[in-house]
Amino acid sequence: MNRSDLPKRLSYQDAAFANFERATMPMNVGSVGIYEGNMPFEKFLEHVDGRIDLVPRYLQRLVDVPFDVAHPTWVDDPDFDIGRHVERARLPAPGTDEQLAELAGEFFSRPLKRDKPLWEVRLVEGLSGGRTAHLAKVHHCMVDGLSGVELLAALLDLDPKPRAPRRRRREAPPRP
């Protein structure tokens, strides 16, 4: 789907998700993936960056309409930087599943910042058994069941030798 095909204004339901959020009640949808083996962060970052264009909404941020006369709208983020969305974390030894659950709880309990597209991924290193995990969250106003699956399908590759990332030239969009 091209960005021009996406609706620009939030629906009533999505605007409600955006407006009902509070510091103590983030409106995030999250997932945890656990993988066998070590996943180098630099390769993971490159992989996500090379595929994020497949899900155009993830390159857009939410902008309120002056005086709240209409629902917020989506605009291309002129300052998009993959480094503001993909981070790494390392569990201290022994790297148990309980430690991962505690880290996930902290990660999912914080609202997403509104000055960038409303999603984040954290690659978690140091899991016992040489495993790696990812934590991903996205604001509920961005996803329904299908678009959440689209993101995971674009970012995750089941082939041990994944295809080369798609590199599209990103032109800076006009400032809102």
N, C-alpha and C. Protein backbone atom coordinates (compact mmCIF):
# COMPACT_ATOMS: atom_id res chain seq x y z
N MET A 1 0.85 -1.18 0.00
CA MET A 1 0.00 0.00 0.00
C MET A 1 0.89 1.24 0.00
N ASN A 2 0.55 2.19 -0.84
CA ASN A 2 1.27 3.47 -0.90
C ASN A 2 0.75 4.40 0.18
N ARG A 3 1.58 5.33 0.59
CA ARG A 3 1.14 6.30 1.60
C ARG A 3 -0.04 7.11 1.11
N SER A 4 -0.10 7.38 -0.18
CA SER A 4 -1.20 8.19 -0.71
C SER A 4 -2.53 7.45 -0.62
N ASP A 5 -2.51 6.11 -0.48
CA ASP A 5 -3.73 5.33 -0.36
C ASP A 5 -4.26 5.27 1.07
N LEU A 6 -3.45 5.67 2.02
CA LEU A 6 -3.84 5.59 3.42
C LEU A 6 -4.79 6.73 3.80
N PRO A 7 -5.78 6.45 4.67
CA PRO A 7 -6.61 7.55 5.15
C PRO A 7 -5.75 8.52 5.95
N LYS A 8 -6.02 9.79 5.80
CA LYS A 8 -5.20 10.79 6.48
C LYS A 8 -5.76 11.14 7.87
N ARG A 9 -7.05 11.10 8.02
CA ARG A 9 -7.69 11.48 9.27
C ARG A 9 -8.04 10.23 10.07
N LEU A 10 -7.87 10.29 11.40
CA LEU A 10 -8.23 9.16 12.25
C LEU A 10 -9.74 8.94 12.24
N SER A 11 -10.14 7.69 12.31
CA SER A 11 -11.55 7.38 12.46
C SER A 11 -11.99 7.76 13.87
N TYR A 12 -13.28 7.75 14.10
CA TYR A 12 -13.80 8.07 15.44
C TYR A 12 -13.20 7.13 16.48
N GLN A 13 -13.18 5.84 16.19
CA GLN A 13 -12.67 4.85 17.14
C GLN A 13 -11.17 5.05 17.39
N ASP A 14 -10.39 5.26 16.33
CA ASP A 14 -8.95 5.46 16.51
C ASP A 14 -8.65 6.76 17.25
N ALA A 15 -9.45 7.80 16.98
CA ALA A 15 -9.27 9.06 17.72
C ALA A 15 -9.56 8.85 19.20
N ALA A 16 -10.54 8.00 19.50
CA ALA A 16 -10.83 7.70 20.91
C ALA A 16 -9.63 7.02 21.56
N PHE A 17 -9.02 6.05 20.86
CA PHE A 17 -7.83 5.39 21.41
C PHE A 17 -6.72 6.41 21.68
N ALA A 18 -6.55 7.35 20.76
CA ALA A 18 -5.49 8.36 20.92
C ALA A 18 -5.81 9.30 22.08
N ASN A 19 -7.07 9.68 22.23
CA ASN A 19 -7.45 10.67 23.24
C ASN A 19 -7.64 10.11 24.64
N PHE A 20 -7.95 8.82 24.76
CA PHE A 20 -8.18 8.22 26.08
C PHE A 20 -6.89 7.86 26.80
N GLU A 21 -5.77 7.89 26.09
CA GLU A 21 -4.51 7.50 26.71
C GLU A 21 -4.13 8.43 27.85
N ARG A 22 -3.60 7.85 28.90
CA ARG A 22 -3.08 8.59 30.05
C ARG A 22 -1.71 8.01 30.39
N ALA A 23 -0.91 8.73 31.16
CA ALA A 23 0.41 8.25 31.56
C ALA A 23 0.32 6.90 32.27
N THR A 24 -0.76 6.70 33.02
CA THR A 24 -0.95 5.45 33.74
C THR A 24 -1.76 4.42 32.97
N MET A 25 -2.19 4.79 31.74
CA MET A 25 -2.98 3.88 30.93
C MET A 25 -2.58 4.01 29.46
N PRO A 26 -1.40 3.47 29.10
CA PRO A 26 -0.99 3.57 27.70
C PRO A 26 -1.90 2.71 26.81
N MET A 27 -2.16 3.20 25.64
CA MET A 27 -3.03 2.49 24.69
C MET A 27 -2.16 1.78 23.65
N ASN A 28 -1.26 0.93 24.13
CA ASN A 28 -0.33 0.23 23.25
C ASN A 28 -0.79 -1.20 23.01
N VAL A 29 -0.42 -1.72 21.86
CA VAL A 29 -0.56 -3.13 21.54
C VAL A 29 0.86 -3.67 21.47
N GLY A 30 1.12 -4.78 22.13
CA GLY A 30 2.50 -5.25 22.20
C GLY A 30 2.65 -6.71 21.82
N SER A 31 3.89 -7.07 21.52
CA SER A 31 4.22 -8.47 21.24
C SER A 31 5.63 -8.75 21.74
N VAL A 32 5.86 -10.03 22.04
CA VAL A 32 7.16 -10.51 22.45
C VAL A 32 7.50 -11.70 21.56
N GLY A 33 8.69 -11.70 21.00
CA GLY A 33 9.18 -12.83 20.22
C GLY A 33 10.48 -13.33 20.82
N ILE A 34 10.61 -14.65 20.95
CA ILE A 34 11.84 -15.24 21.48
C ILE A 34 12.42 -16.14 20.40
N TYR A 35 13.73 -15.98 20.16
CA TYR A 35 14.40 -16.65 19.05
C TYR A 35 15.61 -17.43 19.54
N GLU A 36 15.85 -18.56 18.92
CA GLU A 36 17.05 -19.34 19.20
C GLU A 36 18.25 -18.61 18.62
N GLY A 37 19.34 -18.55 19.37
CA GLY A 37 20.58 -17.97 18.87
C GLY A 37 20.68 -16.47 19.12
N ASN A 38 21.86 -15.97 18.83
CA ASN A 38 22.17 -14.55 19.00
C ASN A 38 21.85 -13.79 17.72
N MET A 39 21.11 -12.71 17.85
CA MET A 39 20.78 -11.86 16.72
C MET A 39 21.56 -10.56 16.88
N PRO A 40 22.57 -10.31 16.06
CA PRO A 40 23.35 -9.08 16.21
C PRO A 40 22.48 -7.84 16.00
N PHE A 41 22.60 -6.88 16.91
CA PHE A 41 21.76 -5.68 16.87
C PHE A 41 21.91 -4.93 15.56
N GLU A 42 23.13 -4.74 15.07
CA GLU A 42 23.35 -3.97 13.84
C GLU A 42 22.63 -4.60 12.66
N LYS A 43 22.66 -5.93 12.57
CA LYS A 43 21.96 -6.61 11.48
C LYS A 43 20.45 -6.47 11.64
N PHE A 44 19.98 -6.58 12.87
CA PHE A 44 18.55 -6.42 13.14
C PHE A 44 18.08 -5.02 12.75
N LEU A 45 18.84 -4.00 13.15
CA LEU A 45 18.51 -2.62 12.81
C LEU A 45 18.47 -2.43 11.30
N GLU A 46 19.46 -2.95 10.60
CA GLU A 46 19.50 -2.84 9.15
C GLU A 46 18.31 -3.57 8.51
N HIS A 47 17.98 -4.72 9.07
CA HIS A 47 16.85 -5.51 8.57
C HIS A 47 15.54 -4.72 8.70
N VAL A 48 15.29 -4.16 9.89
CA VAL A 48 14.06 -3.39 10.10
C VAL A 48 14.05 -2.16 9.20
N ASP A 49 15.15 -1.44 9.13
CA ASP A 49 15.23 -0.24 8.31
C ASP A 49 14.98 -0.56 6.83
N GLY A 50 15.45 -1.70 6.38
CA GLY A 50 15.27 -2.07 4.99
C GLY A 50 13.86 -2.52 4.63
N ARG A 51 13.03 -2.76 5.64
CA ARG A 51 11.67 -3.26 5.37
C ARG A 51 10.57 -2.33 5.86
N ILE A 52 10.90 -1.30 6.61
CA ILE A 52 9.86 -0.47 7.20
C ILE A 52 9.02 0.24 6.15
N ASP A 53 9.58 0.47 4.96
CA ASP A 53 8.82 1.10 3.89
C ASP A 53 7.64 0.24 3.44
N LEU A 54 7.67 -1.05 3.75
CA LEU A 54 6.58 -1.94 3.38
C LEU A 54 5.31 -1.65 4.18
N VAL A 55 5.45 -0.92 5.27
CA VAL A 55 4.31 -0.57 6.11
C VAL A 55 4.31 0.96 6.25
N PRO A 56 3.79 1.67 5.25
CA PRO A 56 3.94 3.13 5.19
C PRO A 56 3.43 3.89 6.41
N ARG A 57 2.41 3.40 7.09
CA ARG A 57 1.88 4.12 8.25
C ARG A 57 2.97 4.27 9.32
N TYR A 58 3.93 3.37 9.35
CA TYR A 58 4.98 3.40 10.36
C TYR A 58 6.03 4.48 10.09
N LEU A 59 5.86 5.21 9.00
CA LEU A 59 6.71 6.36 8.68
C LEU A 59 5.97 7.67 8.93
N GLN A 60 4.77 7.58 9.52
CA GLN A 60 3.94 8.76 9.74
C GLN A 60 3.72 8.99 11.22
N ARG A 61 3.51 10.26 11.56
CA ARG A 61 3.21 10.59 12.95
C ARG A 61 1.86 11.28 13.02
N LEU A 62 1.35 11.34 14.21
CA LEU A 62 0.03 11.91 14.47
C LEU A 62 0.16 13.40 14.75
N VAL A 63 -0.71 14.19 14.13
CA VAL A 63 -0.72 15.63 14.36
C VAL A 63 -2.15 16.05 14.71
N ASP A 64 -2.26 16.80 15.79
CA ASP A 64 -3.57 17.32 16.19
C ASP A 64 -3.98 18.46 15.27
N VAL A 65 -5.26 18.59 15.07
CA VAL A 65 -5.82 19.68 14.26
C VAL A 65 -6.01 20.88 15.18
N PRO A 66 -5.65 22.09 14.72
CA PRO A 66 -5.80 23.26 15.58
C PRO A 66 -7.22 23.39 16.15
N PHE A 67 -7.27 23.74 17.41
CA PHE A 67 -8.52 23.94 18.14
C PHE A 67 -9.38 22.68 18.23
N ASP A 68 -8.81 21.52 17.88
CA ASP A 68 -9.52 20.22 17.94
C ASP A 68 -10.85 20.25 17.17
N VAL A 69 -10.87 20.93 16.02
CA VAL A 69 -12.10 21.00 15.23
C VAL A 69 -12.35 19.73 14.42
N ALA A 70 -11.38 18.83 14.40
CA ALA A 70 -11.53 17.55 13.70
C ALA A 70 -10.60 16.54 14.37
N HIS A 71 -10.76 15.28 13.99
CA HIS A 71 -9.87 14.25 14.52
C HIS A 71 -8.45 14.50 14.05
N PRO A 72 -7.47 14.04 14.84
CA PRO A 72 -6.07 14.17 14.42
C PRO A 72 -5.83 13.55 13.04
N THR A 73 -4.72 13.91 12.44
CA THR A 73 -4.41 13.43 11.09
C THR A 73 -3.00 12.84 11.07
N TRP A 74 -2.75 11.99 10.09
CA TRP A 74 -1.44 11.39 9.87
C TRP A 74 -0.66 12.21 8.86
N VAL A 75 0.61 12.47 9.18
CA VAL A 75 1.50 13.16 8.24
C VAL A 75 2.82 12.39 8.19
N ASP A 76 3.48 12.44 7.04
CA ASP A 76 4.80 11.83 6.94
C ASP A 76 5.73 12.53 7.92
N ASP A 77 6.52 11.76 8.64
CA ASP A 77 7.44 12.33 9.62
C ASP A 77 8.69 12.84 8.89
N PRO A 78 8.89 14.16 8.83
CA PRO A 78 10.05 14.69 8.12
C PRO A 78 11.37 14.37 8.82
N ASP A 79 11.30 13.99 10.09
CA ASP A 79 12.50 13.68 10.86
C ASP A 79 12.64 12.19 11.14
N PHE A 80 12.01 11.34 10.31
CA PHE A 80 12.04 9.91 10.60
C PHE A 80 13.47 9.40 10.70
N ASP A 81 13.72 8.67 11.79
CA ASP A 81 15.03 8.08 12.03
C ASP A 81 14.79 6.73 12.69
N ILE A 82 15.21 5.66 12.04
CA ILE A 82 14.99 4.31 12.55
C ILE A 82 15.58 4.14 13.95
N GLY A 83 16.64 4.87 14.24
CA GLY A 83 17.28 4.79 15.54
C GLY A 83 16.42 5.29 16.68
N ARG A 84 15.37 6.05 16.38
CA ARG A 84 14.44 6.52 17.42
C ARG A 84 13.36 5.48 17.71
N HIS A 85 13.37 4.38 16.93
CA HIS A 85 12.32 3.37 17.08
C HIS A 85 12.85 1.99 17.46
N VAL A 86 14.08 1.71 17.11
CA VAL A 86 14.66 0.39 17.38
C VAL A 86 15.83 0.56 18.35
N GLU A 87 15.73 -0.07 19.49
CA GLU A 87 16.76 0.03 20.53
C GLU A 87 17.19 -1.37 20.95
N ARG A 88 18.22 -1.41 21.76
CA ARG A 88 18.67 -2.70 22.29
C ARG A 88 18.69 -2.65 23.80
N ALA A 89 18.56 -3.84 24.38
CA ALA A 89 18.66 -4.00 25.82
C ALA A 89 19.37 -5.32 26.08
N ARG A 90 20.06 -5.40 27.20
CA ARG A 90 20.75 -6.63 27.57
C ARG A 90 20.32 -7.01 28.98
N LEU A 91 19.87 -8.26 29.12
CA LEU A 91 19.52 -8.76 30.44
C LEU A 91 20.79 -9.14 31.18
N PRO A 92 20.85 -8.85 32.49
CA PRO A 92 21.99 -9.33 33.26
C PRO A 92 21.89 -10.84 33.45
N ALA A 93 23.04 -11.49 33.63
CA ALA A 93 23.04 -12.94 33.86
C ALA A 93 22.17 -13.24 35.08
N PRO A 94 21.38 -14.27 35.05
CA PRO A 94 21.41 -15.39 34.11
C PRO A 94 20.49 -15.23 32.90
N GLY A 95 19.76 -14.11 32.76
CA GLY A 95 18.91 -13.88 31.59
C GLY A 95 17.69 -14.79 31.55
N THR A 96 16.97 -14.85 32.64
CA THR A 96 15.82 -15.75 32.75
C THR A 96 14.59 -15.18 32.05
N ASP A 97 13.61 -16.06 31.86
CA ASP A 97 12.35 -15.61 31.28
C ASP A 97 11.63 -14.64 32.22
N GLU A 98 11.84 -14.79 33.52
CA GLU A 98 11.24 -13.86 34.48
C GLU A 98 11.84 -12.46 34.33
N GLN A 99 13.15 -12.39 34.09
CA GLN A 99 13.79 -11.10 33.86
C GLN A 99 13.25 -10.46 32.57
N LEU A 100 13.05 -11.28 31.55
CA LEU A 100 12.48 -10.77 30.30
C LEU A 100 11.06 -10.26 30.54
N ALA A 101 10.27 -10.98 31.32
CA ALA A 101 8.90 -10.54 31.61
C ALA A 101 8.90 -9.21 32.36
N GLU A 102 9.84 -9.03 33.29
CA GLU A 102 9.93 -7.76 34.03
C GLU A 102 10.31 -6.62 33.09
N LEU A 103 11.29 -6.86 32.21
CA LEU A 103 11.68 -5.84 31.23
C LEU A 103 10.51 -5.50 30.31
N ALA A 104 9.79 -6.53 29.87
CA ALA A 104 8.63 -6.31 28.99
C ALA A 104 7.57 -5.48 29.70
N GLY A 105 7.32 -5.77 30.96
CA GLY A 105 6.33 -5.00 31.71
C GLY A 105 6.69 -3.53 31.79
N GLU A 106 7.96 -3.23 32.03
CA GLU A 106 8.41 -1.84 32.07
C GLU A 106 8.26 -1.19 30.70
N PHE A 107 8.65 -1.90 29.65
CA PHE A 107 8.59 -1.38 28.28
C PHE A 107 7.15 -1.08 27.86
N PHE A 108 6.25 -2.03 28.10
CA PHE A 108 4.86 -1.86 27.66
C PHE A 108 4.08 -0.88 28.52
N SER A 109 4.55 -0.59 29.73
CA SER A 109 3.79 0.29 30.62
C SER A 109 3.97 1.77 30.32
N ARG A 110 4.93 2.10 29.46
CA ARG A 110 5.18 3.52 29.14
C ARG A 110 4.47 3.91 27.84
N PRO A 111 3.77 5.04 27.86
CA PRO A 111 3.15 5.52 26.62
C PRO A 111 4.22 5.87 25.58
N LEU A 112 3.85 5.79 24.33
CA LEU A 112 4.74 6.18 23.24
C LEU A 112 4.78 7.70 23.12
N LYS A 113 5.92 8.22 22.74
CA LYS A 113 6.06 9.67 22.55
C LYS A 113 5.35 10.09 21.28
N ARG A 114 4.65 11.21 21.35
CA ARG A 114 3.82 11.67 20.23
C ARG A 114 4.59 12.48 19.20
N ASP A 115 5.89 12.72 19.39
CA ASP A 115 6.65 13.52 18.43
C ASP A 115 7.29 12.68 17.33
N LYS A 116 6.88 11.43 17.21
CA LYS A 116 7.42 10.53 16.20
C LYS A 116 6.36 9.49 15.88
N PRO A 117 6.54 8.68 14.83
CA PRO A 117 5.59 7.59 14.59
C PRO A 117 5.43 6.72 15.83
N LEU A 118 4.22 6.25 16.06
CA LEU A 118 3.85 5.64 17.34
C LEU A 118 4.15 4.15 17.42
N TRP A 119 5.44 3.81 17.32
CA TRP A 119 5.85 2.42 17.47
C TRP A 119 7.30 2.36 17.95
N GLU A 120 7.64 1.25 18.62
CA GLU A 120 9.01 1.01 19.08
C GLU A 120 9.26 -0.49 19.10
N VAL A 121 10.51 -0.86 18.86
CA VAL A 121 10.95 -2.25 18.97
C VAL A 121 12.22 -2.25 19.79
N ARG A 122 12.35 -3.20 20.69
CA ARG A 122 13.57 -3.35 21.48
C ARG A 122 14.08 -4.77 21.28
N LEU A 123 15.33 -4.91 20.84
CA LEU A 123 15.99 -6.20 20.72
C LEU A 123 16.62 -6.50 22.07
N VAL A 124 16.31 -7.66 22.63
CA VAL A 124 16.79 -8.03 23.96
C VAL A 124 17.82 -9.14 23.83
N GLU A 125 19.03 -8.82 24.28
CA GLU A 125 20.13 -9.77 24.24
C GLU A 125 20.37 -10.31 25.65
N GLY A 126 21.12 -11.42 25.74
CA GLY A 126 21.50 -11.96 27.03
C GLY A 126 20.52 -12.94 27.64
N LEU A 127 19.58 -13.45 26.86
CA LEU A 127 18.66 -14.46 27.39
C LEU A 127 19.40 -15.78 27.59
N SER A 128 19.00 -16.51 28.60
CA SER A 128 19.62 -17.81 28.86
C SER A 128 19.47 -18.72 27.64
N GLY A 129 20.39 -19.65 27.52
CA GLY A 129 20.34 -20.59 26.40
C GLY A 129 20.78 -19.96 25.08
N GLY A 130 21.43 -18.79 25.13
CA GLY A 130 21.89 -18.14 23.90
C GLY A 130 20.76 -17.58 23.05
N ARG A 131 19.61 -17.31 23.67
CA ARG A 131 18.45 -16.81 22.91
C ARG A 131 18.45 -15.29 22.84
N THR A 132 17.66 -14.78 21.89
CA THR A 132 17.43 -13.34 21.71
C THR A 132 15.92 -13.12 21.68
N ALA A 133 15.48 -11.96 22.09
CA ALA A 133 14.05 -11.65 22.04
C ALA A 133 13.83 -10.27 21.44
N HIS A 134 12.60 -10.03 21.00
CA HIS A 134 12.22 -8.67 20.63
C HIS A 134 10.95 -8.31 21.39
N LEU A 135 10.86 -7.06 21.76
CA LEU A 135 9.65 -6.48 22.32
C LEU A 135 9.19 -5.43 21.32
N ALA A 136 7.94 -5.46 20.94
CA ALA A 136 7.43 -4.47 19.99
C ALA A 136 6.13 -3.90 20.54
N LYS A 137 5.99 -2.58 20.41
CA LYS A 137 4.73 -1.96 20.79
C LYS A 137 4.36 -0.91 19.75
N VAL A 138 3.08 -0.77 19.57
CA VAL A 138 2.54 0.20 18.63
C VAL A 138 1.26 0.75 19.26
N HIS A 139 0.98 2.01 19.00
CA HIS A 139 -0.23 2.61 19.56
C HIS A 139 -1.46 1.99 18.92
N HIS A 140 -2.47 1.79 19.74
CA HIS A 140 -3.68 1.14 19.26
C HIS A 140 -4.36 1.90 18.13
N CYS A 141 -4.18 3.24 18.07
CA CYS A 141 -4.82 4.01 17.00
C CYS A 141 -4.19 3.72 15.64
N MET A 142 -3.02 3.06 15.62
CA MET A 142 -2.34 2.75 14.36
C MET A 142 -2.70 1.38 13.81
N VAL A 143 -3.14 0.49 14.66
CA VAL A 143 -3.28 -0.90 14.22
C VAL A 143 -4.66 -1.45 14.47
N ASP A 144 -5.02 -2.33 13.58
CA ASP A 144 -6.08 -3.27 13.85
C ASP A 144 -5.41 -4.63 13.72
N GLY A 145 -6.12 -5.71 13.79
CA GLY A 145 -5.49 -7.02 13.70
C GLY A 145 -4.67 -7.21 12.44
N LEU A 146 -5.19 -6.74 11.31
CA LEU A 146 -4.51 -6.95 10.04
C LEU A 146 -3.21 -6.16 9.94
N SER A 147 -3.22 -4.87 10.29
CA SER A 147 -2.01 -4.08 10.12
C SER A 147 -0.93 -4.49 11.12
N GLY A 148 -1.32 -5.02 12.28
CA GLY A 148 -0.33 -5.55 13.20
C GLY A 148 0.36 -6.76 12.60
N VAL A 149 -0.39 -7.61 11.93
CA VAL A 149 0.18 -8.78 11.25
C VAL A 149 1.05 -8.32 10.08
N GLU A 150 0.63 -7.27 9.36
CA GLU A 150 1.43 -6.75 8.25
C GLU A 150 2.81 -6.31 8.73
N LEU A 151 2.86 -5.64 9.88
CA LEU A 151 4.14 -5.20 10.41
C LEU A 151 5.04 -6.39 10.70
N LEU A 152 4.51 -7.39 11.41
CA LEU A 152 5.33 -8.55 11.73
C LEU A 152 5.76 -9.30 10.48
N ALA A 153 4.87 -9.40 9.49
CA ALA A 153 5.24 -10.08 8.25
C ALA A 153 6.33 -9.32 7.50
N ALA A 154 6.30 -8.01 7.55
CA ALA A 154 7.32 -7.21 6.87
C ALA A 154 8.66 -7.28 7.58
N LEU A 155 8.64 -7.36 8.91
CA LEU A 155 9.88 -7.29 9.67
C LEU A 155 10.51 -8.65 9.94
N LEU A 156 9.69 -9.66 10.10
CA LEU A 156 10.22 -10.97 10.45
C LEU A 156 10.36 -11.82 9.20
N ASP A 157 11.46 -12.52 9.10
CA ASP A 157 11.73 -13.38 7.95
C ASP A 157 12.09 -14.75 8.49
N LEU A 158 11.33 -15.78 8.13
CA LEU A 158 11.56 -17.11 8.66
C LEU A 158 12.73 -17.82 7.99
N ASP A 159 13.19 -17.32 6.89
CA ASP A 159 14.30 -17.92 6.17
C ASP A 159 15.62 -17.60 6.88
N PRO A 160 16.47 -18.61 7.15
CA PRO A 160 17.74 -18.30 7.81
C PRO A 160 18.64 -17.40 6.98
N LYS A 161 18.43 -17.36 5.69
CA LYS A 161 19.17 -16.44 4.81
C LYS A 161 18.15 -15.52 4.16
N PRO A 162 17.74 -14.47 4.87
CA PRO A 162 16.66 -13.61 4.36
C PRO A 162 17.06 -12.88 3.10
N ARG A 163 16.03 -12.53 2.31
CA ARG A 163 16.27 -11.77 1.09
C ARG A 163 16.81 -10.40 1.45
N ALA A 164 17.51 -9.81 0.53
CA ALA A 164 18.10 -8.49 0.77
C ALA A 164 16.99 -7.49 1.06
N PRO A 165 17.22 -6.58 2.00
CA PRO A 165 16.20 -5.57 2.31
C PRO A 165 15.90 -4.71 1.09
N ARG A 166 14.66 -4.28 1.02
CA ARG A 166 14.27 -3.35 -0.03
C ARG A 166 14.76 -1.97 0.37
N ARG A 167 15.49 -1.36 -0.49
CA ARG A 167 15.97 0.00 -0.21
C ARG A 167 15.24 0.95 -1.13
N ARG A 168 14.43 1.76 -0.54
CA ARG A 168 13.74 2.79 -1.30
C ARG A 168 14.33 4.11 -0.90
N ARG A 169 14.43 4.98 -1.83
CA ARG A 169 14.93 6.31 -1.51
C ARG A 169 13.84 7.07 -0.79
N ARG A 170 14.13 7.49 0.41
CA ARG A 170 13.15 8.24 1.18
C ARG A 170 13.40 9.72 0.96
N GLU A 171 12.44 10.36 0.35
CA GLU A 171 12.54 11.78 0.18
C GLU A 171 11.91 12.45 1.39
N ALA A 172 12.52 13.50 1.83
CA ALA A 172 11.96 14.20 2.99
C ALA A 172 10.62 14.79 2.62
N PRO A 173 9.57 14.43 3.39
CA PRO A 173 8.25 15.00 3.12
C PRO A 173 8.21 16.45 3.56
N PRO A 174 7.24 17.20 3.07
CA PRO A 174 7.12 18.59 3.52
C PRO A 174 6.80 18.63 5.00
N ARG A 175 7.24 19.66 5.66
CA ARG A 175 6.95 19.82 7.09
C ARG A 175 5.48 20.18 7.26
N PRO A 176 4.83 19.56 8.28
CA PRO A 176 3.40 19.87 8.51
C PRO A 176 3.22 21.29 9.00
